[in-house]
Amino acid sequence: MYLRASDNPVSIILDGSTSTDVVHYLVVLFQTLESNRLIVYFYRLIKLGVQETARAQLAALLEAFTEDGLMEYLVKKINRIWLRRSVSELGQRQCTAQNYE
């Protein structure tokens, strides 16, 4: 997957949909930058069944990320972004990666 090889920021876009037979789905897209252009990739259409709660959506999303081996990558990406922002916000304070693990 291109996103794993890139160090560009990634956003996750989620949208819910319901079929005519009342089966709920979660549409998952990734948004990133390539050559200073905003690009959106379709990731997955996840069948939720009859549950459409936020909890059911999150559980299905995390399960999909785990199945596809993306969980570790996304956690590292989120931690890197959070760490960069935290370091810049801390200003002169000393900061090590150990503080944020």
PDB file of N, CA and C in Angstrom:
ATOM      1  N   MET A   1       0.842  -1.176   0.000  1.00  0.00           N
ATOM      2  CA  MET A   1       0.000   0.000   0.000  1.00  0.00           C
ATOM      3  C   MET A   1       0.888   1.240   0.000  1.00  0.00           C
ATOM      4  N   TYR A   2       0.583   2.184  -0.874  1.00  0.00           N
ATOM      5  CA  TYR A   2       1.366   3.408  -1.007  1.00  0.00           C
ATOM      6  C   TYR A   2       1.471   4.160   0.315  1.00  0.00           C
ATOM      7  N   LEU A   3       0.393   4.221   1.048  1.00  0.00           N
ATOM      8  CA  LEU A   3       0.380   5.016   2.275  1.00  0.00           C
ATOM      9  C   LEU A   3       1.437   4.567   3.275  1.00  0.00           C
ATOM     10  N   ARG A   4       1.746   3.296   3.303  1.00  0.00           N
ATOM     11  CA  ARG A   4       2.759   2.796   4.233  1.00  0.00           C
ATOM     12  C   ARG A   4       4.139   3.294   3.865  1.00  0.00           C
ATOM     13  N   ALA A   5       4.407   3.472   2.576  1.00  0.00           N
ATOM     14  CA  ALA A   5       5.725   3.896   2.114  1.00  0.00           C
ATOM     15  C   ALA A   5       5.905   5.406   2.223  1.00  0.00           C
ATOM     16  N   SER A   6       4.842   6.132   2.397  1.00  0.00           N
ATOM     17  CA  SER A   6       4.884   7.582   2.422  1.00  0.00           C
ATOM     18  C   SER A   6       4.943   8.106   3.854  1.00  0.00           C
ATOM     19  N   ASP A   7       5.603   9.236   4.018  1.00  0.00           N
ATOM     20  CA  ASP A   7       5.628   9.887   5.329  1.00  0.00           C
ATOM     21  C   ASP A   7       4.648  11.057   5.366  1.00  0.00           C
ATOM     22  N   ASN A   8       3.815  11.169   4.334  1.00  0.00           N
ATOM     23  CA  ASN A   8       2.842  12.256   4.269  1.00  0.00           C
ATOM     24  C   ASN A   8       1.729  12.043   5.288  1.00  0.00           C
ATOM     25  N   PRO A   9       1.094  13.132   5.724  1.00  0.00           N
ATOM     26  CA  PRO A   9      -0.027  12.993   6.664  1.00  0.00           C
ATOM     27  C   PRO A   9      -1.177  12.213   6.035  1.00  0.00           C
ATOM     28  N   VAL A  10      -1.925  11.523   6.878  1.00  0.00           N
ATOM     29  CA  VAL A  10      -3.061  10.725   6.414  1.00  0.00           C
ATOM     30  C   VAL A  10      -4.285  11.071   7.257  1.00  0.00           C
ATOM     31  N   SER A  11      -5.415  11.260   6.596  1.00  0.00           N
ATOM     32  CA  SER A  11      -6.696  11.447   7.276  1.00  0.00           C
ATOM     33  C   SER A  11      -7.579  10.259   6.944  1.00  0.00           C
ATOM     34  N   ILE A  12      -8.419   9.888   7.880  1.00  0.00           N
ATOM     35  CA  ILE A  12      -9.378   8.811   7.647  1.00  0.00           C
ATOM     36  C   ILE A  12     -10.759   9.456   7.530  1.00  0.00           C
ATOM     37  N   ILE A  13     -11.432   9.180   6.440  1.00  0.00           N
ATOM     38  CA  ILE A  13     -12.772   9.704   6.208  1.00  0.00           C
ATOM     39  C   ILE A  13     -13.754   8.533   6.319  1.00  0.00           C
ATOM     40  N   LEU A  14     -14.770   8.705   7.147  1.00  0.00           N
ATOM     41  CA  LEU A  14     -15.772   7.662   7.366  1.00  0.00           C
ATOM     42  C   LEU A  14     -17.148   8.172   6.983  1.00  0.00           C
ATOM     43  N   ASP A  15     -17.953   7.293   6.418  1.00  0.00           N
ATOM     44  CA  ASP A  15     -19.332   7.636   6.113  1.00  0.00           C
ATOM     45  C   ASP A  15     -20.175   6.378   6.250  1.00  0.00           C
ATOM     46  N   GLY A  16     -21.335   6.524   6.795  1.00  0.00           N
ATOM     47  CA  GLY A  16     -22.227   5.389   6.961  1.00  0.00           C
ATOM     48  C   GLY A  16     -23.291   5.371   5.880  1.00  0.00           C
ATOM     49  N   SER A  17     -23.758   4.192   5.573  1.00  0.00           N
ATOM     50  CA  SER A  17     -24.823   4.030   4.595  1.00  0.00           C
ATOM     51  C   SER A  17     -25.676   2.831   4.992  1.00  0.00           C
ATOM     52  N   THR A  18     -26.914   2.840   4.559  1.00  0.00           N
ATOM     53  CA  THR A  18     -27.838   1.743   4.865  1.00  0.00           C
ATOM     54  C   THR A  18     -28.500   1.283   3.575  1.00  0.00           C
ATOM     55  N   SER A  19     -28.518  -0.025   3.377  1.00  0.00           N
ATOM     56  CA  SER A  19     -29.165  -0.579   2.182  1.00  0.00           C
ATOM     57  C   SER A  19     -30.677  -0.590   2.366  1.00  0.00           C
ATOM     58  N   THR A  20     -31.385  -0.903   1.301  1.00  0.00           N
ATOM     59  CA  THR A  20     -32.852  -0.937   1.367  1.00  0.00           C
ATOM     60  C   THR A  20     -33.365  -2.034   2.291  1.00  0.00           C
ATOM     61  N   ASP A  21     -32.533  -3.072   2.498  1.00  0.00           N
ATOM     62  CA  ASP A  21     -32.942  -4.131   3.429  1.00  0.00           C
ATOM     63  C   ASP A  21     -32.369  -3.902   4.833  1.00  0.00           C
ATOM     64  N   VAL A  22     -32.065  -2.650   5.153  1.00  0.00           N
ATOM     65  CA  VAL A  22     -31.629  -2.185   6.468  1.00  0.00           C
ATOM     66  C   VAL A  22     -30.360  -2.884   6.960  1.00  0.00           C
ATOM     67  N   VAL A  23     -29.409  -3.032   6.087  1.00  0.00           N
ATOM     68  CA  VAL A  23     -28.074  -3.501   6.460  1.00  0.00           C
ATOM     69  C   VAL A  23     -27.171  -2.274   6.427  1.00  0.00           C
ATOM     70  N   HIS A  24     -26.451  -2.050   7.509  1.00  0.00           N
ATOM     71  CA  HIS A  24     -25.616  -0.864   7.646  1.00  0.00           C
ATOM     72  C   HIS A  24     -24.191  -1.139   7.169  1.00  0.00           C
ATOM     73  N   TYR A  25     -23.614  -0.141   6.528  1.00  0.00           N
ATOM     74  CA  TYR A  25     -22.247  -0.227   6.007  1.00  0.00           C
ATOM     75  C   TYR A  25     -21.445   0.986   6.458  1.00  0.00           C
ATOM     76  N   LEU A  26     -20.147   0.791   6.535  1.00  0.00           N
ATOM     77  CA  LEU A  26     -19.224   1.877   6.841  1.00  0.00           C
ATOM     78  C   LEU A  26     -18.269   2.015   5.655  1.00  0.00           C
ATOM     79  N   VAL A  27     -18.264   3.183   5.037  1.00  0.00           N
ATOM     80  CA  VAL A  27     -17.361   3.469   3.926  1.00  0.00           C
ATOM     81  C   VAL A  27     -16.117   4.120   4.521  1.00  0.00           C
ATOM     82  N   VAL A  28     -14.937   3.584   4.167  1.00  0.00           N
ATOM     83  CA  VAL A  28     -13.683   4.087   4.724  1.00  0.00           C
ATOM     84  C   VAL A  28     -12.782   4.563   3.579  1.00  0.00           C
ATOM     85  N   LEU A  29     -12.355   5.816   3.684  1.00  0.00           N
ATOM     86  CA  LEU A  29     -11.455   6.418   2.707  1.00  0.00           C
ATOM     87  C   LEU A  29     -10.224   6.940   3.430  1.00  0.00           C
ATOM     88  N   PHE A  30      -9.086   6.942   2.745  1.00  0.00           N
ATOM     89  CA  PHE A  30      -7.877   7.578   3.260  1.00  0.00           C
ATOM     90  C   PHE A  30      -7.614   8.806   2.404  1.00  0.00           C
ATOM     91  N   GLN A  31      -7.255   9.895   3.046  1.00  0.00           N
ATOM     92  CA  GLN A  31      -6.917  11.127   2.341  1.00  0.00           C
ATOM     93  C   GLN A  31      -5.469  11.473   2.667  1.00  0.00           C
ATOM     94  N   THR A  32      -4.680  11.814   1.648  1.00  0.00           N
ATOM     95  CA  THR A  32      -3.277  12.144   1.858  1.00  0.00           C
ATOM     96  C   THR A  32      -2.818  13.143   0.806  1.00  0.00           C
ATOM     97  N   LEU A  33      -1.571  13.537   0.897  1.00  0.00           N
ATOM     98  CA  LEU A  33      -0.972  14.433  -0.082  1.00  0.00           C
ATOM     99  C   LEU A  33       0.019  13.671  -0.942  1.00  0.00           C
ATOM    100  N   GLU A  34      -0.012  13.933  -2.232  1.00  0.00           N
ATOM    101  CA  GLU A  34       0.977  13.399  -3.162  1.00  0.00           C
ATOM    102  C   GLU A  34       1.373  14.538  -4.080  1.00  0.00           C
ATOM    103  N   SER A  35       2.646  14.877  -4.094  1.00  0.00           N
ATOM    104  CA  SER A  35       3.145  15.985  -4.928  1.00  0.00           C
ATOM    105  C   SER A  35       2.321  17.252  -4.691  1.00  0.00           C
ATOM    106  N   ASN A  36       2.063  17.528  -3.412  1.00  0.00           N
ATOM    107  CA  ASN A  36       1.286  18.710  -2.994  1.00  0.00           C
ATOM    108  C   ASN A  36      -0.146  18.730  -3.537  1.00  0.00           C
ATOM    109  N   ARG A  37      -0.679  17.554  -3.876  1.00  0.00           N
ATOM    110  CA  ARG A  37      -2.066  17.430  -4.310  1.00  0.00           C
ATOM    111  C   ARG A  37      -2.815  16.534  -3.341  1.00  0.00           C
ATOM    112  N   LEU A  38      -4.026  16.922  -3.021  1.00  0.00           N
ATOM    113  CA  LEU A  38      -4.868  16.123  -2.137  1.00  0.00           C
ATOM    114  C   LEU A  38      -5.413  14.932  -2.912  1.00  0.00           C
ATOM    115  N   ILE A  39      -5.173  13.719  -2.388  1.00  0.00           N
ATOM    116  CA  ILE A  39      -5.615  12.480  -3.028  1.00  0.00           C
ATOM    117  C   ILE A  39      -6.464  11.695  -2.030  1.00  0.00           C
ATOM    118  N   VAL A  40      -7.561  11.123  -2.509  1.00  0.00           N
ATOM    119  CA  VAL A  40      -8.427  10.300  -1.664  1.00  0.00           C
ATOM    120  C   VAL A  40      -8.438   8.884  -2.232  1.00  0.00           C
ATOM    121  N   TYR A  41      -8.149   7.911  -1.361  1.00  0.00           N
ATOM    122  CA  TYR A  41      -8.160   6.494  -1.739  1.00  0.00           C
ATOM    123  C   TYR A  41      -9.338   5.801  -1.079  1.00  0.00           C
ATOM    124  N   PHE A  42     -10.042   4.975  -1.835  1.00  0.00           N
ATOM    125  CA  PHE A  42     -11.050   4.099  -1.251  1.00  0.00           C
ATOM    126  C   PHE A  42     -10.303   2.973  -0.542  1.00  0.00           C
ATOM    127  N   TYR A  43     -10.639   2.737   0.731  1.00  0.00           N
ATOM    128  CA  TYR A  43     -10.005   1.652   1.478  1.00  0.00           C
ATOM    129  C   TYR A  43     -10.920   0.432   1.539  1.00  0.00           C
ATOM    130  N   ARG A  44     -12.119   0.614   2.075  1.00  0.00           N
ATOM    131  CA  ARG A  44     -12.999  -0.539   2.279  1.00  0.00           C
ATOM    132  C   ARG A  44     -14.449  -0.125   2.468  1.00  0.00           C
ATOM    133  N   LEU A  45     -15.328  -1.041   2.121  1.00  0.00           N
ATOM    134  CA  LEU A  45     -16.739  -0.954   2.474  1.00  0.00           C
ATOM    135  C   LEU A  45     -16.955  -2.063   3.499  1.00  0.00           C
ATOM    136  N   ILE A  46     -17.241  -1.683   4.726  1.00  0.00           N
ATOM    137  CA  ILE A  46     -17.340  -2.644   5.822  1.00  0.00           C
ATOM    138  C   ILE A  46     -18.817  -2.861   6.158  1.00  0.00           C
ATOM    139  N   LYS A  47     -19.226  -4.117   6.101  1.00  0.00           N
ATOM    140  CA  LYS A  47     -20.602  -4.456   6.449  1.00  0.00           C
ATOM    141  C   LYS A  47     -20.731  -4.495   7.966  1.00  0.00           C
ATOM    142  N   LEU A  48     -21.648  -3.683   8.492  1.00  0.00           N
ATOM    143  CA  LEU A  48     -21.874  -3.633   9.934  1.00  0.00           C
ATOM    144  C   LEU A  48     -23.037  -4.515  10.360  1.00  0.00           C
ATOM    145  N   GLY A  49     -23.879  -4.887   9.452  1.00  0.00           N
ATOM    146  CA  GLY A  49     -25.066  -5.664   9.821  1.00  0.00           C
ATOM    147  C   GLY A  49     -26.151  -4.747  10.343  1.00  0.00           C
ATOM    148  N   VAL A  50     -26.772  -5.130  11.438  1.00  0.00           N
ATOM    149  CA  VAL A  50     -27.881  -4.336  11.970  1.00  0.00           C
ATOM    150  C   VAL A  50     -27.417  -3.251  12.934  1.00  0.00           C
ATOM    151  N   GLN A  51     -26.183  -3.312  13.388  1.00  0.00           N
ATOM    152  CA  GLN A  51     -25.657  -2.318  14.329  1.00  0.00           C
ATOM    153  C   GLN A  51     -25.062  -1.131  13.582  1.00  0.00           C
ATOM    154  N   GLU A  52     -25.500   0.080  13.931  1.00  0.00           N
ATOM    155  CA  GLU A  52     -24.927   1.267  13.300  1.00  0.00           C
ATOM    156  C   GLU A  52     -24.390   2.256  14.333  1.00  0.00           C
ATOM    157  N   THR A  53     -24.236   1.821  15.554  1.00  0.00           N
ATOM    158  CA  THR A  53     -23.756   2.709  16.601  1.00  0.00           C
ATOM    159  C   THR A  53     -22.290   3.069  16.366  1.00  0.00           C
ATOM    160  N   ALA A  54     -21.854   4.125  17.004  1.00  0.00           N
ATOM    161  CA  ALA A  54     -20.448   4.538  16.905  1.00  0.00           C
ATOM    162  C   ALA A  54     -19.534   3.422  17.413  1.00  0.00           C
ATOM    163  N   ARG A  55     -19.970   2.740  18.449  1.00  0.00           N
ATOM    164  CA  ARG A  55     -19.177   1.636  19.003  1.00  0.00           C
ATOM    165  C   ARG A  55     -19.018   0.501  17.990  1.00  0.00           C
ATOM    166  N   ALA A  56     -20.099   0.172  17.294  1.00  0.00           N
ATOM    167  CA  ALA A  56     -20.050  -0.882  16.277  1.00  0.00           C
ATOM    168  C   ALA A  56     -19.169  -0.458  15.106  1.00  0.00           C
ATOM    169  N   GLN A  57     -19.246   0.808  14.717  1.00  0.00           N
ATOM    170  CA  GLN A  57     -18.410   1.316  13.629  1.00  0.00           C
ATOM    171  C   GLN A  57     -16.937   1.268  14.009  1.00  0.00           C
ATOM    172  N   LEU A  58     -16.620   1.711  15.217  1.00  0.00           N
ATOM    173  CA  LEU A  58     -15.225   1.693  15.665  1.00  0.00           C
ATOM    174  C   LEU A  58     -14.695   0.266  15.750  1.00  0.00           C
ATOM    175  N   ALA A  59     -15.475  -0.645  16.297  1.00  0.00           N
ATOM    176  CA  ALA A  59     -15.046  -2.043  16.408  1.00  0.00           C
ATOM    177  C   ALA A  59     -14.781  -2.639  15.027  1.00  0.00           C
ATOM    178  N   ALA A  60     -15.668  -2.376  14.077  1.00  0.00           N
ATOM    179  CA  ALA A  60     -15.500  -2.905  12.715  1.00  0.00           C
ATOM    180  C   ALA A  60     -14.285  -2.287  12.041  1.00  0.00           C
ATOM    181  N   LEU A  61     -14.066  -0.992  12.256  1.00  0.00           N
ATOM    182  CA  LEU A  61     -12.920  -0.307  11.660  1.00  0.00           C
ATOM    183  C   LEU A  61     -11.604  -0.848  12.218  1.00  0.00           C
ATOM    184  N   LEU A  62     -11.524  -0.988  13.527  1.00  0.00           N
ATOM    185  CA  LEU A  62     -10.307  -1.518  14.145  1.00  0.00           C
ATOM    186  C   LEU A  62     -10.052  -2.965  13.724  1.00  0.00           C
ATOM    187  N   GLU A  63     -11.111  -3.735  13.581  1.00  0.00           N
ATOM    188  CA  GLU A  63     -10.975  -5.121  13.115  1.00  0.00           C
ATOM    189  C   GLU A  63     -10.420  -5.152  11.682  1.00  0.00           C
ATOM    190  N   ALA A  64     -10.926  -4.270  10.819  1.00  0.00           N
ATOM    191  CA  ALA A  64     -10.440  -4.216   9.433  1.00  0.00           C
ATOM    192  C   ALA A  64      -8.972  -3.810   9.389  1.00  0.00           C
ATOM    193  N   PHE A  65      -8.599  -2.795  10.180  1.00  0.00           N
ATOM    194  CA  PHE A  65      -7.202  -2.359  10.217  1.00  0.00           C
ATOM    195  C   PHE A  65      -6.300  -3.491  10.700  1.00  0.00           C
ATOM    196  N   THR A  66      -6.752  -4.231  11.694  1.00  0.00           N
ATOM    197  CA  THR A  66      -5.970  -5.347  12.231  1.00  0.00           C
ATOM    198  C   THR A  66      -5.845  -6.460  11.187  1.00  0.00           C
ATOM    199  N   GLU A  67      -6.946  -6.824  10.559  1.00  0.00           N
ATOM    200  CA  GLU A  67      -6.929  -7.874   9.528  1.00  0.00           C
ATOM    201  C   GLU A  67      -5.964  -7.543   8.394  1.00  0.00           C
ATOM    202  N   ASP A  68      -5.910  -6.269   8.020  1.00  0.00           N
ATOM    203  CA  ASP A  68      -5.087  -5.848   6.886  1.00  0.00           C
ATOM    204  C   ASP A  68      -3.669  -5.434   7.282  1.00  0.00           C
ATOM    205  N   GLY A  69      -3.331  -5.602   8.564  1.00  0.00           N
ATOM    206  CA  GLY A  69      -1.991  -5.262   9.019  1.00  0.00           C
ATOM    207  C   GLY A  69      -1.708  -3.770   9.049  1.00  0.00           C
ATOM    208  N   LEU A  70      -2.748  -2.952   9.155  1.00  0.00           N
ATOM    209  CA  LEU A  70      -2.575  -1.504   9.171  1.00  0.00           C
ATOM    210  C   LEU A  70      -2.526  -0.903  10.570  1.00  0.00           C
ATOM    211  N   MET A  71      -2.935  -1.654  11.560  1.00  0.00           N
ATOM    212  CA  MET A  71      -3.058  -1.089  12.904  1.00  0.00           C
ATOM    213  C   MET A  71      -1.725  -0.530  13.406  1.00  0.00           C
ATOM    214  N   GLU A  72      -0.669  -1.318  13.325  1.00  0.00           N
ATOM    215  CA  GLU A  72       0.634  -0.872  13.822  1.00  0.00           C
ATOM    216  C   GLU A  72       1.112   0.359  13.044  1.00  0.00           C
ATOM    217  N   TYR A  73       0.946   0.343  11.731  1.00  0.00           N
ATOM    218  CA  TYR A  73       1.340   1.482  10.901  1.00  0.00           C
ATOM    219  C   TYR A  73       0.600   2.753  11.317  1.00  0.00           C
ATOM    220  N   LEU A  74      -0.721   2.663  11.485  1.00  0.00           N
ATOM    221  CA  LEU A  74      -1.520   3.839  11.826  1.00  0.00           C
ATOM    222  C   LEU A  74      -1.199   4.357  13.214  1.00  0.00           C
ATOM    223  N   VAL A  75      -0.969   3.469  14.164  1.00  0.00           N
ATOM    224  CA  VAL A  75      -0.601   3.895  15.518  1.00  0.00           C
ATOM    225  C   VAL A  75       0.728   4.637  15.485  1.00  0.00           C
ATOM    226  N   LYS A  76       1.698   4.113  14.741  1.00  0.00           N
ATOM    227  CA  LYS A  76       2.991   4.796  14.631  1.00  0.00           C
ATOM    228  C   LYS A  76       2.830   6.159  13.970  1.00  0.00           C
ATOM    229  N   LYS A  77       2.019   6.225  12.923  1.00  0.00           N
ATOM    230  CA  LYS A  77       1.785   7.484  12.207  1.00  0.00           C
ATOM    231  C   LYS A  77       1.135   8.503  13.136  1.00  0.00           C
ATOM    232  N   ILE A  78       0.128   8.073  13.878  1.00  0.00           N
ATOM    233  CA  ILE A  78      -0.558   8.968  14.817  1.00  0.00           C
ATOM    234  C   ILE A  78       0.403   9.438  15.901  1.00  0.00           C
ATOM    235  N   ASN A  79       1.203   8.526  16.457  1.00  0.00           N
ATOM    236  CA  ASN A  79       2.156   8.896  17.503  1.00  0.00           C
ATOM    237  C   ASN A  79       3.190   9.884  16.995  1.00  0.00           C
ATOM    238  N   ARG A  80       3.672   9.687  15.759  1.00  0.00           N
ATOM    239  CA  ARG A  80       4.658  10.609  15.186  1.00  0.00           C
ATOM    240  C   ARG A  80       4.077  12.010  15.046  1.00  0.00           C
ATOM    241  N   ILE A  81       2.860  12.094  14.532  1.00  0.00           N
ATOM    242  CA  ILE A  81       2.213  13.391  14.344  1.00  0.00           C
ATOM    243  C   ILE A  81       1.963  14.047  15.698  1.00  0.00           C
ATOM    244  N   TRP A  82       1.445  13.276  16.642  1.00  0.00           N
ATOM    245  CA  TRP A  82       1.152  13.809  17.967  1.00  0.00           C
ATOM    246  C   TRP A  82       2.436  14.266  18.652  1.00  0.00           C
ATOM    247  N   LEU A  83       3.492  13.473  18.519  1.00  0.00           N
ATOM    248  CA  LEU A  83       4.770  13.818  19.140  1.00  0.00           C
ATOM    249  C   LEU A  83       5.315  15.115  18.551  1.00  0.00           C
ATOM    250  N   ARG A  84       5.268  15.269  17.230  1.00  0.00           N
ATOM    251  CA  ARG A  84       5.749  16.508  16.597  1.00  0.00           C
ATOM    252  C   ARG A  84       4.982  17.710  17.100  1.00  0.00           C
ATOM    253  N   ARG A  85       3.665  17.596  17.171  1.00  0.00           N
ATOM    254  CA  ARG A  85       2.846  18.713  17.648  1.00  0.00           C
ATOM    255  C   ARG A  85       3.140  19.000  19.111  1.00  0.00           C
ATOM    256  N   SER A  86       3.270  17.954  19.912  1.00  0.00           N
ATOM    257  CA  SER A  86       3.531  18.135  21.339  1.00  0.00           C
ATOM    258  C   SER A  86       4.873  18.808  21.568  1.00  0.00           C
ATOM    259  N   VAL A  87       5.881  18.388  20.813  1.00  0.00           N
ATOM    260  CA  VAL A  87       7.207  18.971  20.969  1.00  0.00           C
ATOM    261  C   VAL A  87       7.162  20.449  20.612  1.00  0.00           C
ATOM    262  N   SER A  88       6.494  20.810  19.543  1.00  0.00           N
ATOM    263  CA  SER A  88       6.440  22.213  19.155  1.00  0.00           C
ATOM    264  C   SER A  88       5.653  23.032  20.171  1.00  0.00           C
ATOM    265  N   GLU A  89       4.641  22.427  20.787  1.00  0.00           N
ATOM    266  CA  GLU A  89       3.848  23.137  21.789  1.00  0.00           C
ATOM    267  C   GLU A  89       4.606  23.285  23.106  1.00  0.00           C
ATOM    268  N   LEU A  90       5.496  22.371  23.400  1.00  0.00           N
ATOM    269  CA  LEU A  90       6.230  22.428  24.653  1.00  0.00           C
ATOM    270  C   LEU A  90       7.307  23.515  24.642  1.00  0.00           C
ATOM    271  N   GLY A  91       7.697  23.919  23.471  1.00  0.00           N
ATOM    272  CA  GLY A  91       8.690  24.986  23.369  1.00  0.00           C
ATOM    273  C   GLY A  91      10.041  24.555  23.888  1.00  0.00           C
ATOM    274  N   GLN A  92      10.509  25.155  24.969  1.00  0.00           N
ATOM    275  CA  GLN A  92      11.858  24.940  25.475  1.00  0.00           C
ATOM    276  C   GLN A  92      12.006  23.699  26.355  1.00  0.00           C
ATOM    277  N   ARG A  93      10.901  23.075  26.745  1.00  0.00           N
ATOM    278  CA  ARG A  93      11.002  21.892  27.612  1.00  0.00           C
ATOM    279  C   ARG A  93      11.674  20.743  26.895  1.00  0.00           C
ATOM    280  N   GLN A  94      12.391  19.921  27.639  1.00  0.00           N
ATOM    281  CA  GLN A  94      12.988  18.726  27.045  1.00  0.00           C
ATOM    282  C   GLN A  94      11.912  17.678  26.868  1.00  0.00           C
ATOM    283  N   CYS A  95      12.036  16.959  25.761  1.00  0.00           N
ATOM    284  CA  CYS A  95      11.016  15.973  25.431  1.00  0.00           C
ATOM    285  C   CYS A  95      11.696  14.767  24.806  1.00  0.00           C
ATOM    286  N   THR A  96      11.339  13.578  25.267  1.00  0.00           N
ATOM    287  CA  THR A  96      11.880  12.353  24.668  1.00  0.00           C
ATOM    288  C   THR A  96      10.721  11.478  24.218  1.00  0.00           C
ATOM    289  N   ALA A  97      11.001  10.622  23.271  1.00  0.00           N
ATOM    290  CA  ALA A  97       9.956   9.720  22.772  1.00  0.00           C
ATOM    291  C   ALA A  97       9.424   8.820  23.876  1.00  0.00           C
ATOM    292  N   GLN A  98      10.223   8.519  24.883  1.00  0.00           N
ATOM    293  CA  GLN A  98       9.781   7.642  25.967  1.00  0.00           C
ATOM    294  C   GLN A  98       8.589   8.236  26.705  1.00  0.00           C
ATOM    295  N   ASN A  99       8.528   9.554  26.798  1.00  0.00           N
ATOM    296  CA  ASN A  99       7.419  10.187  27.502  1.00  0.00           C
ATOM    297  C   ASN A  99       6.077   9.955  26.820  1.00  0.00           C
ATOM    298  N   TYR A 100       6.094   9.581  25.547  1.00  0.00           N
ATOM    299  CA  TYR A 100       4.859   9.489  24.777  1.00  0.00           C
ATOM    300  C   TYR A 100       4.509   8.080  24.360  1.00  0.00           C
ATOM    301  N   GLU A 101       5.202   7.100  24.844  1.00  0.00           N
ATOM    302  CA  GLU A 101       4.875   5.712  24.478  1.00  0.00           C
ATOM    303  C   GLU A 101       3.830   5.153  25.390  1.00  0.00           C
TER     304      GLU A 101
END
